[in-house]
C-alpha atoms as a PDB file:
ATOM      1  CA  MET A   1      11.855 -11.499 -73.278  1.00  0.00           C
ATOM      2  CA  GLY A   2       9.092 -11.915 -70.648  1.00  0.00           C
ATOM      3  CA  GLN A   3      10.628 -15.155 -69.383  1.00  0.00           C
ATOM      4  CA  THR A   4      14.061 -13.533 -69.077  1.00  0.00           C
ATOM      5  CA  ALA A   5      12.586 -10.647 -67.099  1.00  0.00           C
ATOM      6  CA  HIS A   6      10.803 -13.144 -64.805  1.00  0.00           C
ATOM      7  CA  VAL A   7      14.052 -15.061 -64.187  1.00  0.00           C
ATOM      8  CA  SER A   8      15.953 -11.811 -63.547  1.00  0.00           C
ATOM      9  CA  ALA A   9      13.356 -10.733 -60.970  1.00  0.00           C
ATOM     10  CA  VAL A  10      13.712 -14.093 -59.173  1.00  0.00           C
ATOM     11  CA  VAL A  11      17.510 -13.849 -59.234  1.00  0.00           C
ATOM     12  CA  TRP A  12      17.527 -10.307 -57.881  1.00  0.00           C
ATOM     13  CA  SER A  13      15.023 -11.176 -55.140  1.00  0.00           C
ATOM     14  CA  ALA A  14      17.097 -14.171 -54.134  1.00  0.00           C
ATOM     15  CA  ALA A  15      20.289 -12.083 -54.113  1.00  0.00           C
ATOM     16  CA  VAL A  16      18.700  -9.435 -51.870  1.00  0.00           C
ATOM     17  CA  SER A  17      17.371 -12.155 -49.565  1.00  0.00           C
ATOM     18  CA  LEU A  18      20.817 -13.708 -49.375  1.00  0.00           C
ATOM     19  CA  ALA A  19      22.367 -10.377 -48.506  1.00  0.00           C
ATOM     20  CA  ALA A  20      19.750  -9.878 -45.787  1.00  0.00           C
ATOM     21  CA  TRP A  21      20.530 -13.278 -44.301  1.00  0.00           C
ATOM     22  CA  LEU A  22      24.293 -12.631 -44.339  1.00  0.00           C
ATOM     23  CA  TRP A  23      23.732  -9.371 -42.517  1.00  0.00           C
ATOM     24  CA  LEU A  24      21.454 -11.000 -39.935  1.00  0.00           C
ATOM     25  CA  LEU A  25      23.857 -13.886 -39.287  1.00  0.00           C
ATOM     26  CA  LEU A  26      27.051 -11.833 -39.094  1.00  0.00           C
ATOM     27  CA  PHE A  27      26.058  -8.358 -37.892  1.00  0.00           C
ATOM     28  CA  GLN A  28      22.928  -8.708 -35.748  1.00  0.00           C
ATOM     29  CA  GLY A  29      24.572  -9.591 -32.475  1.00  0.00           C
ATOM     30  CA  TRP A  30      24.658 -13.321 -33.130  1.00  0.00           C
ATOM     31  CA  PHE A  31      21.016 -13.377 -32.105  1.00  0.00           C
ATOM     32  CA  TRP A  32      20.678 -17.037 -33.162  1.00  0.00           C
ATOM     33  CA  ARG A  33      22.988 -18.221 -30.385  1.00  0.00           C
ATOM     34  CA  THR A  34      21.231 -19.893 -27.406  1.00  0.00           C
ATOM     35  CA  ASP A  35      24.069 -19.858 -24.912  1.00  0.00           C
ATOM     36  CA  VAL A  36      23.365 -16.446 -23.343  1.00  0.00           C
ATOM     37  CA  ARG A  37      22.682 -17.550 -19.787  1.00  0.00           C
ATOM     38  CA  LEU A  38      23.254 -15.920 -16.425  1.00  0.00           C
ATOM     39  CA  PRO A  39      26.945 -14.925 -16.312  1.00  0.00           C
ATOM     40  CA  VAL A  40      29.404 -16.557 -13.881  1.00  0.00           C
ATOM     41  CA  SER A  41      29.002 -14.894 -10.497  1.00  0.00           C
ATOM     42  CA  ARG A  42      30.172 -15.074  -6.903  1.00  0.00           C
ATOM     43  CA  ASP A  43      28.160 -14.877  -3.727  1.00  0.00           C
ATOM     44  CA  PRO A  44      28.289 -11.516  -1.980  1.00  0.00           C
ATOM     45  CA  ASP A  45      29.684 -11.266   1.522  1.00  0.00           C
ATOM     46  CA  VAL A  46      26.366  -9.830   2.723  1.00  0.00           C
ATOM     47  CA  TRP A  47      23.189 -10.679   0.848  1.00  0.00           C
ATOM     48  CA  PRO A  48      21.105  -7.559   0.154  1.00  0.00           C
ATOM     49  CA  ASP A  49      17.421  -7.156   0.984  1.00  0.00           C
ATOM     50  CA  VAL A  50      15.005  -7.933  -1.860  1.00  0.00           C
ATOM     51  CA  CYS A  51      11.330  -7.247  -2.354  1.00  0.00           C
ATOM     52  CA  VAL A  52       9.403  -9.311  -4.917  1.00  0.00           C
ATOM     53  CA  VAL A  53       6.482  -7.570  -6.692  1.00  0.00           C
ATOM     54  CA  VAL A  54       3.921  -9.738  -8.427  1.00  0.00           C
ATOM     55  CA  PRO A  55       1.045  -8.033 -10.334  1.00  0.00           C
ATOM     56  CA  ALA A  56      -1.862 -10.481 -10.689  1.00  0.00           C
ATOM     57  CA  ARG A  57      -5.257 -10.257 -12.353  1.00  0.00           C
ATOM     58  CA  ASP A  58      -7.489 -13.347 -12.550  1.00  0.00           C
ATOM     59  CA  GLU A  59      -4.580 -15.748 -12.067  1.00  0.00           C
ATOM     60  CA  ALA A  60      -6.221 -18.383  -9.850  1.00  0.00           C
ATOM     61  CA  SER A  61      -5.695 -21.045 -12.489  1.00  0.00           C
ATOM     62  CA  VAL A  62      -1.901 -20.695 -12.548  1.00  0.00           C
ATOM     63  CA  LEU A  63      -1.099 -19.408  -9.055  1.00  0.00           C
ATOM     64  CA  PRO A  64      -0.888 -22.882  -7.380  1.00  0.00           C
ATOM     65  CA  ALA A  65       1.940 -23.740  -9.837  1.00  0.00           C
ATOM     66  CA  SER A  66       3.857 -20.491  -9.509  1.00  0.00           C
ATOM     67  CA  LEU A  67       3.431 -18.757  -6.136  1.00  0.00           C
ATOM     68  CA  PRO A  68       4.711 -21.697  -4.011  1.00  0.00           C
ATOM     69  CA  SER A  69       7.995 -21.550  -5.958  1.00  0.00           C
ATOM     70  CA  LEU A  70       8.460 -17.907  -4.834  1.00  0.00           C
ATOM     71  CA  LEU A  71       7.525 -18.639  -1.251  1.00  0.00           C
ATOM     72  CA  ALA A  72      10.088 -21.447  -1.265  1.00  0.00           C
ATOM     73  CA  GLN A  73      13.048 -19.355  -2.448  1.00  0.00           C
ATOM     74  CA  ASP A  74      16.322 -20.411  -0.815  1.00  0.00           C
ATOM     75  CA  TYR A  75      17.614 -16.874  -0.300  1.00  0.00           C
ATOM     76  CA  PRO A  76      20.225 -16.208   2.422  1.00  0.00           C
ATOM     77  CA  GLY A  77      19.207 -12.530   2.875  1.00  0.00           C
ATOM     78  CA  ARG A  78      15.914 -10.873   3.769  1.00  0.00           C
ATOM     79  CA  ALA A  79      13.248 -11.144   1.139  1.00  0.00           C
ATOM     80  CA  GLU A  80       9.481 -10.715   1.073  1.00  0.00           C
ATOM     81  CA  ILE A  81       6.705 -10.826  -1.550  1.00  0.00           C
ATOM     82  CA  PHE A  82       4.051  -8.278  -2.442  1.00  0.00           C
ATOM     83  CA  LEU A  83       1.295  -9.735  -4.592  1.00  0.00           C
ATOM     84  CA  VAL A  84      -0.852  -6.929  -6.010  1.00  0.00           C
ATOM     85  CA  ASP A  85      -4.359  -8.189  -6.876  1.00  0.00           C
ATOM     86  CA  ASP A  86      -5.390  -6.031  -9.827  1.00  0.00           C
ATOM     87  CA  GLY A  87      -9.183  -6.260  -9.518  1.00  0.00           C
ATOM     88  CA  SER A  88      -9.449 -10.017  -9.911  1.00  0.00           C
ATOM     89  CA  THR A  89     -12.864 -11.661 -10.040  1.00  0.00           C
ATOM     90  CA  ASP A  90     -11.727 -15.247  -9.566  1.00  0.00           C
ATOM     91  CA  GLY A  91     -10.440 -15.097  -5.995  1.00  0.00           C
ATOM     92  CA  THR A  92      -6.771 -14.606  -6.847  1.00  0.00           C
ATOM     93  CA  GLY A  93      -6.020 -12.665  -3.662  1.00  0.00           C
ATOM     94  CA  ASP A  94      -7.755 -15.158  -1.330  1.00  0.00           C
ATOM     95  CA  LEU A  95      -6.015 -18.079  -3.013  1.00  0.00           C
ATOM     96  CA  ALA A  96      -2.634 -16.400  -2.644  1.00  0.00           C
ATOM     97  CA  ARG A  97      -3.208 -15.972   1.089  1.00  0.00           C
ATOM     98  CA  GLU A  98      -4.312 -19.560   1.423  1.00  0.00           C
ATOM     99  CA  LEU A  99      -1.231 -20.853  -0.449  1.00  0.00           C
ATOM    100  CA  ALA A 100       1.002 -18.798   1.900  1.00  0.00           C
ATOM    101  CA  ARG A 101      -0.781 -20.226   4.950  1.00  0.00           C
ATOM    102  CA  ARG A 102      -0.107 -23.777   3.767  1.00  0.00           C
ATOM    103  CA  GLN A 103       3.613 -23.239   3.202  1.00  0.00           C
ATOM    104  CA  ASP A 104       6.457 -21.899   5.311  1.00  0.00           C
ATOM    105  CA  GLY A 105       8.699 -19.546   3.414  1.00  0.00           C
ATOM    106  CA  LEU A 106       9.037 -15.905   2.420  1.00  0.00           C
ATOM    107  CA  ALA A 107       6.532 -13.450   3.934  1.00  0.00           C
ATOM    108  CA  LEU A 108       3.610 -12.607   1.610  1.00  0.00           C
ATOM    109  CA  THR A 109       1.496  -9.451   1.575  1.00  0.00           C
ATOM    110  CA  VAL A 110      -1.564  -9.305  -0.697  1.00  0.00           C
ATOM    111  CA  VAL A 111      -2.926  -5.856  -1.542  1.00  0.00           C
ATOM    112  CA  THR A 112      -5.433  -4.315  -3.976  1.00  0.00           C
ATOM    113  CA  PRO A 113      -4.616  -0.939  -5.574  1.00  0.00           C
ATOM    114  CA  GLY A 114      -8.061  -0.104  -6.958  1.00  0.00           C
ATOM    115  CA  GLU A 115      -8.845   1.094 -10.451  1.00  0.00           C
ATOM    116  CA  PRO A 116      -5.937   2.755 -12.298  1.00  0.00           C
ATOM    117  CA  PRO A 117      -6.181   6.482 -13.012  1.00  0.00           C
ATOM    118  CA  SER A 118      -6.209   7.849 -16.578  1.00  0.00           C
ATOM    119  CA  GLY A 119      -2.975   7.240 -18.417  1.00  0.00           C
ATOM    120  CA  TRP A 120      -2.031   4.011 -16.633  1.00  0.00           C
ATOM    121  CA  THR A 121      -2.311   0.422 -17.802  1.00  0.00           C
ATOM    122  CA  GLY A 122      -3.716  -1.945 -15.188  1.00  0.00           C
ATOM    123  CA  LYS A 123      -0.528  -3.992 -14.841  1.00  0.00           C
ATOM    124  CA  LEU A 124       1.775  -0.994 -14.437  1.00  0.00           C
ATOM    125  CA  TRP A 125      -0.612   0.583 -11.912  1.00  0.00           C
ATOM    126  CA  ALA A 126      -0.365  -2.654  -9.904  1.00  0.00           C
ATOM    127  CA  VAL A 127       3.439  -2.599 -10.256  1.00  0.00           C
ATOM    128  CA  ARG A 128       3.560   1.002  -9.035  1.00  0.00           C
ATOM    129  CA  HIS A 129       1.508   0.116  -5.982  1.00  0.00           C
ATOM    130  CA  GLY A 130       3.732  -2.877  -5.206  1.00  0.00           C
ATOM    131  CA  VAL A 131       6.938  -0.865  -5.708  1.00  0.00           C
ATOM    132  CA  GLU A 132       5.688   1.875  -3.395  1.00  0.00           C
ATOM    133  CA  LEU A 133       4.991  -0.654  -0.645  1.00  0.00           C
ATOM    134  CA  ALA A 134       8.357  -2.310  -1.251  1.00  0.00           C
ATOM    135  CA  ARG A 135      10.295   0.963  -1.004  1.00  0.00           C
ATOM    136  CA  ALA A 136       8.977   1.368   2.528  1.00  0.00           C
ATOM    137  CA  ARG A 137      11.171  -1.633   3.389  1.00  0.00           C
ATOM    138  CA  ASP A 138      14.198   0.065   1.760  1.00  0.00           C
ATOM    139  CA  PRO A 139      15.381  -2.964  -0.248  1.00  0.00           C
ATOM    140  CA  GLU A 140      18.469  -2.894  -2.450  1.00  0.00           C
ATOM    141  CA  TYR A 141      16.755  -4.870  -5.213  1.00  0.00           C
ATOM    142  CA  LEU A 142      13.269  -5.308  -6.575  1.00  0.00           C
ATOM    143  CA  LEU A 143      12.249  -8.505  -8.371  1.00  0.00           C
ATOM    144  CA  LEU A 144       9.401  -7.872 -10.782  1.00  0.00           C
ATOM    145  CA  THR A 145       7.878 -11.179 -11.830  1.00  0.00           C
ATOM    146  CA  ASP A 146       4.575 -12.226 -13.365  1.00  0.00           C
ATOM    147  CA  ALA A 147       2.003 -14.397 -11.606  1.00  0.00           C
ATOM    148  CA  ASP A 148       2.404 -17.223 -14.160  1.00  0.00           C
ATOM    149  CA  ILE A 149       6.158 -17.585 -13.626  1.00  0.00           C
ATOM    150  CA  ALA A 150       7.595 -20.454 -11.558  1.00  0.00           C
ATOM    151  CA  HIS A 151      11.090 -20.074 -10.153  1.00  0.00           C
ATOM    152  CA  ALA A 152      13.639 -22.708  -9.188  1.00  0.00           C
ATOM    153  CA  PRO A 153      14.571 -22.616  -5.471  1.00  0.00           C
ATOM    154  CA  ASP A 154      17.898 -20.843  -6.210  1.00  0.00           C
ATOM    155  CA  SER A 155      16.484 -18.379  -8.795  1.00  0.00           C
ATOM    156  CA  LEU A 156      16.581 -15.270  -6.617  1.00  0.00           C
ATOM    157  CA  ARG A 157      20.005 -16.106  -5.205  1.00  0.00           C
ATOM    158  CA  ARG A 158      21.454 -16.513  -8.722  1.00  0.00           C
ATOM    159  CA  LEU A 159      19.857 -13.299  -9.992  1.00  0.00           C
ATOM    160  CA  VAL A 160      21.207 -11.217  -7.138  1.00  0.00           C
ATOM    161  CA  ALA A 161      24.694 -12.787  -7.361  1.00  0.00           C
ATOM    162  CA  ALA A 162      24.815 -12.098 -11.111  1.00  0.00           C
ATOM    163  CA  ALA A 163      23.652  -8.487 -10.671  1.00  0.00           C
ATOM    164  CA  ARG A 164      26.190  -7.820  -7.896  1.00  0.00           C
ATOM    165  CA  THR A 165      29.123  -9.501  -9.662  1.00  0.00           C
ATOM    166  CA  GLY A 166      28.499  -7.823 -13.011  1.00  0.00           C
ATOM    167  CA  GLY A 167      27.485  -4.442 -11.655  1.00  0.00           C
ATOM    168  CA  PHE A 168      24.161  -4.546 -13.496  1.00  0.00           C
ATOM    169  CA  ALA A 169      21.277  -2.241 -12.616  1.00  0.00           C
ATOM    170  CA  LEU A 170      18.878  -4.664 -14.316  1.00  0.00           C
ATOM    171  CA  VAL A 171      19.141  -8.424 -14.853  1.00  0.00           C
ATOM    172  CA  SER A 172      16.363 -10.138 -16.738  1.00  0.00           C
ATOM    173  CA  GLN A 173      15.747 -13.688 -17.863  1.00  0.00           C
ATOM    174  CA  MET A 174      13.378 -14.722 -20.648  1.00  0.00           C
ATOM    175  CA  ALA A 175      11.299 -17.418 -19.021  1.00  0.00           C
ATOM    176  CA  ARG A 176      10.939 -20.748 -20.789  1.00  0.00           C
ATOM    177  CA  LEU A 177       7.443 -20.802 -22.287  1.00  0.00           C
ATOM    178  CA  ARG A 178       5.386 -23.978 -22.316  1.00  0.00           C
ATOM    179  CA  VAL A 179       5.798 -26.149 -25.426  1.00  0.00           C
ATOM    180  CA  GLU A 180       3.393 -29.030 -24.838  1.00  0.00           C
ATOM    181  CA  SER A 181       0.489 -28.543 -27.253  1.00  0.00           C
ATOM    182  CA  LEU A 182       0.966 -28.715 -31.051  1.00  0.00           C
ATOM    183  CA  TRP A 183       0.503 -24.953 -31.466  1.00  0.00           C
ATOM    184  CA  GLU A 184       2.922 -24.187 -28.644  1.00  0.00           C
ATOM    185  CA  ARG A 185       5.594 -26.347 -30.293  1.00  0.00           C
ATOM    186  CA  LEU A 186       5.091 -24.588 -33.620  1.00  0.00           C
ATOM    187  CA  VAL A 187       4.765 -20.971 -32.518  1.00  0.00           C
ATOM    188  CA  VAL A 188       6.688 -20.490 -29.250  1.00  0.00           C
ATOM    189  CA  PRO A 189      10.216 -21.167 -30.615  1.00  0.00           C
ATOM    190  CA  ALA A 190       9.563 -18.732 -33.479  1.00  0.00           C
ATOM    191  CA  PHE A 191       8.319 -16.100 -31.028  1.00  0.00           C
ATOM    192  CA  VAL A 192      11.519 -16.350 -28.918  1.00  0.00           C
ATOM    193  CA  TYR A 193      13.661 -16.373 -32.098  1.00  0.00           C
ATOM    194  CA  PHE A 194      12.023 -13.162 -33.422  1.00  0.00           C
ATOM    195  CA  PHE A 195      12.385 -11.428 -30.054  1.00  0.00           C
ATOM    196  CA  ALA A 196      16.084 -12.228 -30.036  1.00  0.00           C
ATOM    197  CA  GLN A 197      16.370 -11.010 -33.607  1.00  0.00           C
ATOM    198  CA  LEU A 198      14.829  -7.665 -32.645  1.00  0.00           C
ATOM    199  CA  TYR A 199      16.815  -7.385 -29.395  1.00  0.00           C
ATOM    200  CA  PRO A 200      20.069  -9.336 -29.662  1.00  0.00           C
ATOM    201  CA  PHE A 201      21.013 -10.323 -26.155  1.00  0.00           C
ATOM    202  CA  ARG A 202      24.762  -9.739 -26.583  1.00  0.00           C
ATOM    203  CA  ARG A 203      24.191  -6.270 -27.981  1.00  0.00           C
ATOM    204  CA  ILE A 204      22.037  -5.300 -24.967  1.00  0.00           C
ATOM    205  CA  THR A 205      24.936  -5.947 -22.586  1.00  0.00           C
ATOM    206  CA  ARG A 206      27.596  -4.346 -24.804  1.00  0.00           C
ATOM    207  CA  PRO A 207      28.903  -1.041 -23.403  1.00  0.00           C
ATOM    208  CA  GLY A 208      27.876   1.897 -25.581  1.00  0.00           C
ATOM    209  CA  SER A 209      25.085  -0.021 -27.296  1.00  0.00           C
ATOM    210  CA  ARG A 210      21.725   1.758 -27.417  1.00  0.00           C
ATOM    211  CA  THR A 211      19.789  -1.581 -27.668  1.00  0.00           C
ATOM    212  CA  ALA A 212      17.831  -2.285 -24.523  1.00  0.00           C
ATOM    213  CA  ALA A 213      15.221  -4.857 -23.632  1.00  0.00           C
ATOM    214  CA  ALA A 214      14.016  -7.061 -20.804  1.00  0.00           C
ATOM    215  CA  ALA A 215      11.585  -9.940 -20.379  1.00  0.00           C
ATOM    216  CA  GLY A 216       8.809  -8.895 -18.037  1.00  0.00           C
ATOM    217  CA  GLY A 217       8.346 -12.296 -16.455  1.00  0.00           C
ATOM    218  CA  CYS A 218      11.625 -11.980 -14.518  1.00  0.00           C
ATOM    219  CA  VAL A 219      13.304  -8.597 -13.961  1.00  0.00           C
ATOM    220  CA  LEU A 220      15.669  -7.976 -11.053  1.00  0.00           C
ATOM    221  CA  LEU A 221      16.176  -4.215 -10.669  1.00  0.00           C
ATOM    222  CA  ARG A 222      18.250  -2.174  -8.308  1.00  0.00           C
ATOM    223  CA  ALA A 223      15.931   0.027  -6.285  1.00  0.00           C
ATOM    224  CA  ASP A 224      18.125   3.128  -6.715  1.00  0.00           C
ATOM    225  CA  ALA A 225      18.263   2.557 -10.457  1.00  0.00           C
ATOM    226  CA  ALA A 226      14.470   2.291 -10.575  1.00  0.00           C
ATOM    227  CA  ALA A 227      14.224   5.621  -8.680  1.00  0.00           C
ATOM    228  CA  ARG A 228      16.626   7.343 -11.056  1.00  0.00           C
ATOM    229  CA  ALA A 229      14.751   6.044 -14.133  1.00  0.00           C
ATOM    230  CA  ARG A 230      11.369   6.890 -12.484  1.00  0.00           C
ATOM    231  CA  ILE A 231      10.132   3.333 -12.780  1.00  0.00           C
ATOM    232  CA  PRO A 232       7.299   2.679 -13.269  1.00  0.00           C
ATOM    233  CA  ASP A 233       5.904   6.231 -13.692  1.00  0.00           C
ATOM    234  CA  ALA A 234       8.108   6.952 -16.710  1.00  0.00           C
ATOM    235  CA  VAL A 235       6.645   3.984 -18.639  1.00  0.00           C
ATOM    236  CA  ARG A 236       3.032   4.144 -17.434  1.00  0.00           C
ATOM    237  CA  HIS A 237       1.704   4.364 -21.035  1.00  0.00           C
ATOM    238  CA  ALA A 238       3.774   1.409 -22.340  1.00  0.00           C
ATOM    239  CA  VAL A 239       2.134  -1.695 -23.719  1.00  0.00           C
ATOM    240  CA  ILE A 240       5.491  -3.490 -23.973  1.00  0.00           C
ATOM    241  CA  ASP A 241       6.424  -2.424 -20.477  1.00  0.00           C
ATOM    242  CA  ASP A 242       9.455  -4.677 -20.052  1.00  0.00           C
ATOM    243  CA  VAL A 243      11.314  -3.191 -23.017  1.00  0.00           C
ATOM    244  CA  ALA A 244      10.312   0.321 -21.879  1.00  0.00           C
ATOM    245  CA  VAL A 245      11.695  -0.328 -18.420  1.00  0.00           C
ATOM    246  CA  ALA A 246      15.038  -1.548 -19.743  1.00  0.00           C
ATOM    247  CA  ARG A 247      15.280   1.521 -22.032  1.00  0.00           C
ATOM    248  CA  ALA A 248      14.541   3.890 -19.183  1.00  0.00           C
ATOM    249  CA  VAL A 249      17.174   2.200 -16.942  1.00  0.00           C
ATOM    250  CA  LYS A 250      19.803   2.307 -19.673  1.00  0.00           C
ATOM    251  CA  ARG A 251      19.080   5.967 -20.505  1.00  0.00           C
ATOM    252  CA  SER A 252      19.593   6.851 -16.856  1.00  0.00           C
ATOM    253  CA  GLY A 253      23.065   5.221 -16.885  1.00  0.00           C
ATOM    254  CA  GLY A 254      22.340   1.708 -15.635  1.00  0.00           C
ATOM    255  CA  ARG A 255      23.824  -1.439 -17.219  1.00  0.00           C
ATOM    256  CA  VAL A 256      21.327  -4.034 -18.458  1.00  0.00           C
ATOM    257  CA  TRP A 257      21.637  -7.782 -18.973  1.00  0.00           C
ATOM    258  CA  LEU A 258      19.118 -10.039 -20.709  1.00  0.00           C
ATOM    259  CA  GLY A 259      19.425 -13.764 -21.464  1.00  0.00           C
ATOM    260  CA  LEU A 260      17.610 -17.055 -21.640  1.00  0.00           C
ATOM    261  CA  ALA A 261      16.469 -18.632 -18.397  1.00  0.00           C
ATOM    262  CA  ASP A 262      17.446 -21.758 -16.528  1.00  0.00           C
ATOM    263  CA  GLY A 263      14.963 -22.451 -13.738  1.00  0.00           C
ATOM    264  CA  VAL A 264      12.464 -19.730 -14.631  1.00  0.00           C
ATOM    265  CA  ASP A 265       9.445 -21.157 -16.396  1.00  0.00           C
ATOM    266  CA  SER A 266       6.053 -19.914 -17.558  1.00  0.00           C
ATOM    267  CA  VAL A 267       3.250 -22.194 -16.395  1.00  0.00           C
ATOM    268  CA  ARG A 268       0.582 -20.534 -18.508  1.00  0.00           C
ATOM    269  CA  PRO A 269      -0.856 -22.867 -21.157  1.00  0.00           C
ATOM    270  CA  TYR A 270      -1.541 -21.731 -24.738  1.00  0.00           C
ATOM    271  CA  PRO A 271      -3.438 -24.740 -26.081  1.00  0.00           C
ATOM    272  CA  ARG A 272      -5.132 -23.014 -29.035  1.00  0.00           C
ATOM    273  CA  LEU A 273      -3.731 -20.927 -31.873  1.00  0.00           C
ATOM    274  CA  ARG A 274      -5.912 -17.943 -30.943  1.00  0.00           C
ATOM    275  CA  ASP A 275      -4.389 -17.890 -27.437  1.00  0.00           C
ATOM    276  CA  LEU A 276      -0.921 -17.569 -28.923  1.00  0.00           C
ATOM    277  CA  TRP A 277      -2.099 -15.095 -31.567  1.00  0.00           C
ATOM    278  CA  ARG A 278      -3.520 -12.876 -28.790  1.00  0.00           C
ATOM    279  CA  MET A 279      -0.183 -12.969 -26.897  1.00  0.00           C
ATOM    280  CA  VAL A 280       1.891 -12.107 -29.995  1.00  0.00           C
ATOM    281  CA  SER A 281      -0.441  -9.554 -31.649  1.00  0.00           C
ATOM    282  CA  ARG A 282      -0.924  -7.574 -28.448  1.00  0.00           C
ATOM    283  CA  SER A 283       2.719  -6.610 -28.325  1.00  0.00           C
ATOM    284  CA  ALA A 284       3.752  -6.864 -32.000  1.00  0.00           C
ATOM    285  CA  TYR A 285       1.592  -4.000 -33.329  1.00  0.00           C
ATOM    286  CA  ALA A 286       2.464  -1.860 -30.342  1.00  0.00           C
ATOM    287  CA  GLN A 287       6.143  -2.391 -31.165  1.00  0.00           C
ATOM    288  CA  LEU A 288       5.369  -0.969 -34.641  1.00  0.00           C
ATOM    289  CA  ARG A 289       3.852   2.126 -32.973  1.00  0.00           C
ATOM    290  CA  HIS A 290       0.446   1.166 -34.425  1.00  0.00           C
ATOM    291  CA  SER A 291       1.639   2.376 -37.833  1.00  0.00           C
ATOM    292  CA  PRO A 292       0.075   0.738 -40.930  1.00  0.00           C
ATOM    293  CA  LEU A 293       3.111   1.843 -42.970  1.00  0.00           C
ATOM    294  CA  LEU A 294       5.527   0.111 -40.599  1.00  0.00           C
ATOM    295  CA  LEU A 295       3.292  -2.941 -40.630  1.00  0.00           C
ATOM    296  CA  VAL A 296       3.415  -3.157 -44.441  1.00  0.00           C
ATOM    297  CA  GLY A 297       7.196  -2.717 -44.438  1.00  0.00           C
ATOM    298  CA  THR A 298       7.648  -5.366 -41.802  1.00  0.00           C
ATOM    299  CA  VAL A 299       5.474  -7.874 -43.708  1.00  0.00           C
ATOM    300  CA  ALA A 300       7.451  -7.088 -46.883  1.00  0.00           C
ATOM    301  CA  GLY A 301      10.714  -7.710 -44.999  1.00  0.00           C
ATOM    302  CA  LEU A 302       9.424 -11.012 -43.614  1.00  0.00           C
ATOM    303  CA  VAL A 303       8.425 -12.137 -47.091  1.00  0.00           C
ATOM    304  CA  LEU A 304      11.864 -11.205 -48.454  1.00  0.00           C
ATOM    305  CA  VAL A 305      13.748 -13.005 -45.704  1.00  0.00           C
ATOM    306  CA  TYR A 306      11.642 -16.081 -45.074  1.00  0.00           C
ATOM    307  CA  LEU A 307       9.499 -16.763 -48.205  1.00  0.00           C
ATOM    308  CA  VAL A 308      11.763 -15.677 -51.081  1.00  0.00           C
ATOM    309  CA  PRO A 309      14.491 -18.360 -50.491  1.00  0.00           C
ATOM    310  CA  PRO A 310      12.200 -21.389 -50.725  1.00  0.00           C
ATOM    311  CA  ALA A 311      10.215 -19.757 -53.579  1.00  0.00           C
ATOM    312  CA  ALA A 312      13.435 -19.107 -55.475  1.00  0.00           C
ATOM    313  CA  VAL A 313      14.507 -22.741 -54.987  1.00  0.00           C
ATOM    314  CA  ALA A 314      11.156 -23.924 -56.323  1.00  0.00           C
ATOM    315  CA  VAL A 315      11.294 -21.624 -59.337  1.00  0.00           C
ATOM    316  CA  GLY A 316      14.866 -22.587 -60.080  1.00  0.00           C
ATOM    317  CA  ALA A 317      14.037 -26.284 -59.885  1.00  0.00           C
ATOM    318  CA  ALA A 318      11.095 -25.778 -62.243  1.00  0.00           C
END
């Protein structure tokens, strides 16, 4: 009797896991597809003005690999860069100025906003400062990009063309993360996979869908859409600020597009497991609203979907 009950429990667990997988594969926006890239676009007759805002804190180690790629953007319209040095102690601001002096390209302004007031995260306070300076230039678009992101020479041109052609208020690309060390090769693909599972890219673009997300390393945003959505003030408390920005834009009536990047790469290394763990855990628990109950439910769901199938096969074989 006990053995029969044990077998029944395994069968039922496997059946529920199979049902979960069928639902994920067929009804979760085809999240497992990797062909969601910038949509086909055409060049505008007149290229709009763009301001690039780069929040940076202690980024001297990666800036030589990322900032020159922004300075070298082959953009037909007017564009300039605002790098906001968020209280760095490693000479980030001075290094940025030196890199700009060595290279002809887009104009670069380096500013320091000071300590954030209560209720603001450091990064979003830096973004707010950069956006305010950019708005004085009256650009049509803002490109929010991280200091560890390197862009291909045509990156800005392609982003603007895609936004204009598709009528998107926000166009975001998930930068390709480094996969050189052993831990990077093991963890990074799973991280991207789980993000797409939570926020299926096709569902984000679908009219009428409430799903919204962006990847903070590369977000092109219409300046008027940012003003309507009160970006970044409306999301100043957010830990996962990129998703919060996309939600605010979508709630205010703007169309959002998110996909995988070509020519937008993260140059930040994650050589050790603890480096990757810090990156993932910082956002994962915030996504669960710091709720132990939601954490327990999530872990149970992960066990059901990913551990039950191989366990059921092993039990069945035995």
